[in-house]
Amino acid sequence: MTNQQRTIEIAPSDEPLALRLLSAVVLGWDRIPISMQGWILRDAFMMMNGEQLDRPESLMEFVYAHRD
């Protein structure tokens, strides 16, 4: 069994919904329990569709840049 997750494919018509969901997570980041934040980051890092993050820290940089 592998720990790699697959990313979901989003139809162009669903992109506004996906952006709303992403925005809610990022803007509410500080209200998410620390253990859940770790779970989200771990899963996001492990998601792969043939690509790995060159810089895992870029996930938190993205959150910090957009949460305010």
C-alpha atoms as a PDB file:
ATOM      1  CA  MET A   1       0.000   0.000   0.000  1.00  0.00           C
ATOM      2  CA  THR A   2       1.345   3.404  -0.930  1.00  0.00           C
ATOM      3  CA  ASN A   3       1.042   6.690   0.934  1.00  0.00           C
ATOM      4  CA  GLN A   4       0.785   8.623  -2.290  1.00  0.00           C
ATOM      5  CA  GLN A   5      -2.509  10.341  -2.902  1.00  0.00           C
ATOM      6  CA  ARG A   6      -3.862  11.339  -6.252  1.00  0.00           C
ATOM      7  CA  THR A   7      -5.093  14.814  -6.935  1.00  0.00           C
ATOM      8  CA  ILE A   8      -8.634  15.193  -8.143  1.00  0.00           C
ATOM      9  CA  GLU A   9      -9.389  16.413 -11.599  1.00  0.00           C
ATOM     10  CA  ILE A  10     -11.549  19.519 -11.629  1.00  0.00           C
ATOM     11  CA  ALA A  11     -13.712  20.361 -14.575  1.00  0.00           C
ATOM     12  CA  PRO A  12     -13.479  24.006 -15.626  1.00  0.00           C
ATOM     13  CA  SER A  13     -17.102  24.461 -14.584  1.00  0.00           C
ATOM     14  CA  ASP A  14     -16.165  23.337 -11.030  1.00  0.00           C
ATOM     15  CA  GLU A  15     -13.122  25.599 -10.648  1.00  0.00           C
ATOM     16  CA  PRO A  16     -15.104  28.349  -8.866  1.00  0.00           C
ATOM     17  CA  LEU A  17     -16.283  25.790  -6.293  1.00  0.00           C
ATOM     18  CA  ALA A  18     -12.769  24.443  -5.792  1.00  0.00           C
ATOM     19  CA  LEU A  19     -11.442  27.980  -5.351  1.00  0.00           C
ATOM     20  CA  ARG A  20     -14.136  28.714  -2.748  1.00  0.00           C
ATOM     21  CA  LEU A  21     -13.205  25.576  -0.819  1.00  0.00           C
ATOM     22  CA  LEU A  22      -9.479  26.323  -1.005  1.00  0.00           C
ATOM     23  CA  SER A  23     -10.128  29.909   0.068  1.00  0.00           C
ATOM     24  CA  ALA A  24     -12.177  28.770   3.065  1.00  0.00           C
ATOM     25  CA  VAL A  25      -9.372  26.459   4.194  1.00  0.00           C
ATOM     26  CA  VAL A  26      -6.636  29.070   3.761  1.00  0.00           C
ATOM     27  CA  LEU A  27      -8.572  31.972   5.264  1.00  0.00           C
ATOM     28  CA  GLY A  28      -9.682  29.817   8.199  1.00  0.00           C
ATOM     29  CA  TRP A  29      -6.273  28.207   8.670  1.00  0.00           C
ATOM     30  CA  ASP A  30      -5.724  29.579  12.174  1.00  0.00           C
ATOM     31  CA  ARG A  31      -9.077  28.136  13.321  1.00  0.00           C
ATOM     32  CA  ILE A  32      -8.138  24.649  12.136  1.00  0.00           C
ATOM     33  CA  PRO A  33      -6.673  22.556  14.984  1.00  0.00           C
ATOM     34  CA  ILE A  34      -2.909  22.076  14.732  1.00  0.00           C
ATOM     35  CA  SER A  35      -3.273  18.306  14.368  1.00  0.00           C
ATOM     36  CA  MET A  36      -5.669  18.807  11.446  1.00  0.00           C
ATOM     37  CA  GLN A  37      -3.303  21.360   9.856  1.00  0.00           C
ATOM     38  CA  GLY A  38      -0.574  18.730   9.967  1.00  0.00           C
ATOM     39  CA  TRP A  39      -2.881  16.175   8.377  1.00  0.00           C
ATOM     40  CA  ILE A  40      -3.849  18.582   5.588  1.00  0.00           C
ATOM     41  CA  LEU A  41      -0.221  19.529   4.900  1.00  0.00           C
ATOM     42  CA  ARG A  42       0.939  15.907   4.968  1.00  0.00           C
ATOM     43  CA  ASP A  43      -1.743  14.846   2.530  1.00  0.00           C
ATOM     44  CA  ALA A  44      -1.119  17.853   0.280  1.00  0.00           C
ATOM     45  CA  PHE A  45       2.603  17.061   0.201  1.00  0.00           C
ATOM     46  CA  MET A  46       1.968  13.419  -0.651  1.00  0.00           C
ATOM     47  CA  MET A  47      -0.525  14.119  -3.435  1.00  0.00           C
ATOM     48  CA  MET A  48       0.956  13.153  -6.735  1.00  0.00           C
ATOM     49  CA  ASN A  49      -0.099  12.890 -10.309  1.00  0.00           C
ATOM     50  CA  GLY A  50       3.421  12.381 -11.529  1.00  0.00           C
ATOM     51  CA  GLU A  51       4.792  15.491  -9.835  1.00  0.00           C
ATOM     52  CA  GLN A  52       6.441  16.062  -6.490  1.00  0.00           C
ATOM     53  CA  LEU A  53       6.907  19.367  -4.751  1.00  0.00           C
ATOM     54  CA  ASP A  54      10.429  20.656  -5.133  1.00  0.00           C
ATOM     55  CA  ARG A  55       9.975  22.663  -1.947  1.00  0.00           C
ATOM     56  CA  PRO A  56       7.558  21.194   0.609  1.00  0.00           C
ATOM     57  CA  GLU A  57       7.723  24.455   2.566  1.00  0.00           C
ATOM     58  CA  SER A  58       5.995  26.145  -0.363  1.00  0.00           C
ATOM     59  CA  LEU A  59       2.688  24.791   0.994  1.00  0.00           C
ATOM     60  CA  MET A  60       2.960  26.873   4.173  1.00  0.00           C
ATOM     61  CA  GLU A  61       4.375  29.821   2.239  1.00  0.00           C
ATOM     62  CA  PHE A  62       1.206  29.727   0.145  1.00  0.00           C
ATOM     63  CA  VAL A  63      -1.017  29.616   3.248  1.00  0.00           C
ATOM     64  CA  TYR A  64       0.886  32.478   4.939  1.00  0.00           C
ATOM     65  CA  ALA A  65       0.831  34.600   1.784  1.00  0.00           C
ATOM     66  CA  HIS A  66      -2.930  34.257   1.289  1.00  0.00           C
ATOM     67  CA  ARG A  67      -4.478  33.887   4.735  1.00  0.00           C
ATOM     68  CA  ASP A  68      -4.480  37.588   5.646  1.00  0.00           C
END
